[in-house]
């Protein structure tokens, strides 16, 4: 089956140190010009993505807050896919000195080792929330919300099947994304555990790795659900 869409994580996958290179942006444009869809799937909040990546409208859909927000850059439409965090819970984290504390429309973000305080407050409030790690970052979301569920919402919006999607990531919060997609890719700088999940590991890190995969798609070297023809390492 031919690749119909690319779903990519942002930090340390598409972007390196928060920035997308001109080379990677050019590769994204080439893939879009080929008639394929582009989906950005990030743990970041939407305003933050706009700030660090002014060209984010190149994507057909953007999944933000690790699956909690679906945005259509062409129309500006935005849909909340998960409930907001309980105010009393947020306030309890502030009271206990959790810093940094970034509160989105649904996600709550902080850094390790604050997860122990967060877990304690989840238990104390009796909430059905999950703690998700992204290397040194900690995210708190309603149970069952992740990048894979966000991707499925985006594909439903675009009326596309999951089978033709290549997904790329680098960290713990990308496991579900890579498993659910038709073909999962870990960039060279990804965590070892994600490399074990992936169907392919790029030779290059971050944005250069994304460019590598885009070039392979355009050459017809990746058939979703089939074998890979190329020099990349397969898992």
Protein backbone atom coordinates (compact mmCIF):
# COMPACT_ATOMS: atom_id res chain seq x y z
CA UNK A 1 0.00 0.00 0.00
CA UNK A 2 1.24 3.48 -0.86
CA UNK A 3 1.94 6.03 1.85
CA UNK A 4 -0.92 8.54 2.05
CA UNK A 5 0.12 10.64 5.06
CA UNK A 6 3.01 11.48 7.35
CA UNK A 7 2.39 12.04 11.06
CA UNK A 8 5.35 13.51 12.90
CA UNK A 9 6.23 14.52 16.42
CA UNK A 10 7.74 18.00 16.82
CA UNK A 11 10.51 18.29 19.42
CA UNK A 12 13.70 16.35 18.64
CA UNK A 13 11.92 14.71 15.70
CA UNK A 14 10.82 17.35 13.20
CA UNK A 15 12.63 20.07 15.13
CA UNK A 16 16.03 20.21 16.78
CA UNK A 17 16.34 22.48 19.82
CA UNK A 18 12.85 23.76 18.99
CA UNK A 19 13.57 24.82 15.40
CA UNK A 20 12.73 23.24 12.03
CA UNK A 21 15.52 23.58 9.47
CA UNK A 22 15.01 24.99 5.98
CA UNK A 23 15.98 21.60 4.54
CA UNK A 24 13.33 19.77 6.55
CA UNK A 25 10.69 22.38 5.72
CA UNK A 26 11.52 21.98 2.02
CA UNK A 27 11.11 18.21 2.33
CA UNK A 28 7.69 18.68 3.96
CA UNK A 29 6.62 20.88 1.05
CA UNK A 30 7.75 18.27 -1.47
CA UNK A 31 5.76 15.58 0.31
CA UNK A 32 2.67 17.77 0.42
CA UNK A 33 3.08 18.65 -3.27
CA UNK A 34 3.02 14.91 -3.99
CA UNK A 35 -0.60 14.85 -2.80
CA UNK A 36 0.06 13.30 0.58
CA UNK A 37 -1.25 14.68 3.87
CA UNK A 38 0.84 16.09 6.71
CA UNK A 39 -0.16 15.75 10.37
CA UNK A 40 1.77 17.27 13.26
CA UNK A 41 1.37 15.39 16.55
CA UNK A 42 2.93 17.15 19.54
CA UNK A 43 2.79 17.35 23.31
CA UNK A 44 3.12 21.13 23.08
CA UNK A 45 0.23 23.53 23.53
CA UNK A 46 -1.11 25.09 20.33
CA UNK A 47 -0.02 28.71 21.03
CA UNK A 48 3.47 27.43 21.77
CA UNK A 49 3.60 25.56 18.45
CA UNK A 50 2.53 28.70 16.61
CA UNK A 51 5.30 30.63 18.32
CA UNK A 52 8.17 28.23 17.63
CA UNK A 53 7.02 27.08 14.18
CA UNK A 54 5.45 29.93 12.16
CA UNK A 55 5.11 27.62 9.13
CA UNK A 56 2.87 25.16 10.96
CA UNK A 57 0.03 25.89 8.52
CA UNK A 58 1.82 23.57 6.06
CA UNK A 59 0.20 20.75 8.04
CA UNK A 60 -3.30 19.55 7.17
CA UNK A 61 -4.09 18.86 10.80
CA UNK A 62 -2.31 19.54 14.08
CA UNK A 63 -2.76 17.37 17.15
CA UNK A 64 -1.57 19.32 20.20
CA UNK A 65 -1.38 18.66 23.94
CA UNK A 66 -0.43 15.02 23.33
CA UNK A 67 -3.77 14.14 21.75
CA UNK A 68 -6.12 16.51 23.57
CA UNK A 69 -6.49 19.21 20.88
CA UNK A 70 -7.25 18.92 17.15
CA UNK A 71 -6.62 21.99 14.99
CA UNK A 72 -7.24 22.69 11.30
CA UNK A 73 -4.77 25.42 10.20
CA UNK A 74 -6.70 26.10 6.98
CA UNK A 75 -9.94 27.07 8.75
CA UNK A 76 -8.70 27.88 12.24
CA UNK A 77 -11.15 25.36 13.68
CA UNK A 78 -10.07 23.87 16.98
CA UNK A 79 -11.63 20.92 18.78
CA UNK A 80 -11.06 19.83 22.36
CA UNK A 81 -10.75 16.04 22.50
CA UNK A 82 -10.43 15.79 26.28
CA UNK A 83 -11.83 17.61 29.33
CA UNK A 84 -10.05 20.45 31.09
CA UNK A 85 -8.08 19.66 34.24
CA UNK A 86 -10.04 20.13 37.48
CA UNK A 87 -9.24 23.60 38.92
CA UNK A 88 -8.91 22.21 42.46
CA UNK A 89 -6.29 19.73 41.24
CA UNK A 90 -4.31 22.45 39.46
CA UNK A 91 -4.44 24.65 42.53
CA UNK A 92 -3.22 21.81 44.73
CA UNK A 93 -0.16 21.40 42.49
CA UNK A 94 0.56 25.13 42.80
CA UNK A 95 0.15 24.95 46.56
CA UNK A 96 2.66 22.12 46.75
CA UNK A 97 5.20 24.11 44.78
CA UNK A 98 5.22 22.20 41.50
CA UNK A 99 7.40 24.30 39.21
CA UNK A 100 7.27 24.73 36.30
CA UNK A 101 3.53 24.21 36.00
CA UNK A 102 2.13 24.68 32.50
CA UNK A 103 -1.65 24.37 32.26
CA UNK A 104 -3.19 23.93 28.82
CA UNK A 105 -6.77 23.37 27.75
CA UNK A 106 -6.44 19.77 28.90
CA UNK A 107 -2.79 18.93 29.51
CA UNK A 108 -0.76 19.85 32.57
CA UNK A 109 2.98 19.97 32.05
CA UNK A 110 5.93 19.96 34.42
CA UNK A 111 9.37 18.34 34.73
CA UNK A 112 10.85 15.38 36.58
CA UNK A 113 10.96 14.72 39.53
CA UNK A 114 7.65 16.51 40.12
CA UNK A 115 5.75 13.41 38.98
CA UNK A 116 5.78 12.08 42.54
CA UNK A 117 3.87 15.10 43.83
CA UNK A 118 1.54 14.94 40.82
CA UNK A 119 0.80 11.26 41.43
CA UNK A 120 0.14 11.93 45.10
CA UNK A 121 -2.37 14.67 44.23
CA UNK A 122 -4.08 12.51 41.60
CA UNK A 123 -4.64 9.88 44.28
CA UNK A 124 -5.72 12.42 46.89
CA UNK A 125 -8.31 13.93 44.53
CA UNK A 126 -9.47 10.53 43.25
CA UNK A 127 -8.96 11.45 39.60
CA UNK A 128 -8.71 9.26 36.50
CA UNK A 129 -5.61 10.94 35.10
CA UNK A 130 -2.44 9.53 33.57
CA UNK A 131 1.16 10.66 33.85
CA UNK A 132 3.01 10.53 30.53
CA UNK A 133 6.73 11.08 30.16
CA UNK A 134 8.58 12.77 27.32
CA UNK A 135 12.23 12.36 28.28
CA UNK A 136 12.62 14.99 31.05
CA UNK A 137 9.10 16.37 30.65
CA UNK A 138 6.02 15.17 32.53
CA UNK A 139 2.48 15.49 31.14
CA UNK A 140 -0.80 14.83 32.92
CA UNK A 141 -3.85 13.96 30.81
CA UNK A 142 -7.21 12.22 31.16
CA UNK A 143 -6.90 8.45 30.96
CA UNK A 144 -6.94 7.14 27.38
CA UNK A 145 -5.82 10.38 25.73
CA UNK A 146 -2.58 10.07 23.79
CA UNK A 147 -1.00 10.83 20.44
CA UNK A 148 -2.59 7.77 18.83
CA UNK A 149 -6.12 8.83 19.80
CA UNK A 150 -5.36 12.33 18.53
CA UNK A 151 -4.08 10.94 15.23
CA UNK A 152 -7.25 8.87 14.83
CA UNK A 153 -9.36 12.00 15.35
CA UNK A 154 -7.31 13.84 12.73
CA UNK A 155 -7.69 11.00 10.23
CA UNK A 156 -11.42 10.82 10.89
CA UNK A 157 -11.57 14.55 10.15
CA UNK A 158 -9.67 13.99 6.89
CA UNK A 159 -11.67 10.84 6.05
CA UNK A 160 -8.50 8.78 5.76
CA UNK A 161 -7.59 5.26 6.95
CA UNK A 162 -4.73 4.65 9.37
CA UNK A 163 -3.10 1.98 7.20
CA UNK A 164 -1.41 4.44 4.85
CA UNK A 165 0.13 6.59 7.59
CA UNK A 166 3.85 6.70 8.40
CA UNK A 167 4.42 8.04 11.94
CA UNK A 168 7.75 9.34 13.27
CA UNK A 169 8.81 10.04 16.86
CA UNK A 170 11.61 9.99 19.42
CA UNK A 171 10.31 9.58 22.98
CA UNK A 172 8.12 7.67 25.46
CA UNK A 173 4.94 9.47 24.45
CA UNK A 174 5.36 8.29 20.84
CA UNK A 175 4.95 4.55 21.51
CA UNK A 176 1.17 4.51 20.93
CA UNK A 177 1.57 6.71 17.85
CA UNK A 178 4.07 4.38 16.18
CA UNK A 179 2.17 1.23 17.12
CA UNK A 180 -1.13 2.54 15.76
CA UNK A 181 0.18 3.90 12.45
CA UNK A 182 0.57 1.80 9.33
CA UNK A 183 4.33 2.15 9.64
CA UNK A 184 6.31 3.45 12.63
CA UNK A 185 9.67 5.20 12.44
CA UNK A 186 12.07 6.19 15.23
CA UNK A 187 14.64 8.88 14.49
CA UNK A 188 18.28 8.03 15.21
CA UNK A 189 18.23 10.07 18.44
CA UNK A 190 15.14 8.26 19.78
CA UNK A 191 15.07 6.39 23.06
CA UNK A 192 16.15 2.73 22.76
CA UNK A 193 12.69 1.56 23.85
CA UNK A 194 11.05 3.46 20.98
CA UNK A 195 13.55 2.05 18.51
CA UNK A 196 12.37 -1.39 19.62
CA UNK A 197 8.78 -0.35 18.83
CA UNK A 198 9.59 1.08 15.38
CA UNK A 199 9.46 -0.63 11.99
CA UNK A 200 12.42 1.47 10.90
CA UNK A 201 15.14 3.56 12.53
CA UNK A 202 16.57 6.47 10.58
CA UNK A 203 20.29 6.86 10.05
CA UNK A 204 20.11 10.61 10.75
CA UNK A 205 18.72 12.30 13.89
CA UNK A 206 15.75 14.66 14.30
CA UNK A 207 14.81 16.75 11.25
CA UNK A 208 17.43 15.14 9.05
CA UNK A 209 15.87 11.80 9.89
CA UNK A 210 12.42 13.09 8.91
CA UNK A 211 13.90 14.35 5.63
CA UNK A 212 15.46 10.91 5.11
CA UNK A 213 12.05 9.24 5.48
CA UNK A 214 10.32 11.76 3.22
CA UNK A 215 12.93 11.14 0.52
CA UNK A 216 12.33 7.39 0.89
CA UNK A 217 8.56 7.87 0.56
CA UNK A 218 8.96 10.01 -2.55
CA UNK A 219 11.28 7.41 -4.12
CA UNK A 220 8.68 4.74 -3.43
CA UNK A 221 11.03 2.87 -1.09
CA UNK A 222 8.45 2.55 1.68
CA UNK A 223 5.30 0.54 1.13
CA UNK A 224 3.13 0.64 4.22
CA UNK A 225 2.64 -2.86 5.52
CA UNK A 226 5.47 -4.16 3.36
CA UNK A 227 9.25 -4.32 3.32
CA UNK A 228 11.64 -1.41 3.10
CA UNK A 229 14.04 -1.03 0.21
CA UNK A 230 16.91 1.17 1.28
CA UNK A 231 19.89 1.55 3.54
CA UNK A 232 18.04 2.35 6.77
CA UNK A 233 18.22 0.08 9.78
CA UNK A 234 15.07 -1.95 10.27
CA UNK A 235 13.74 -3.12 13.61
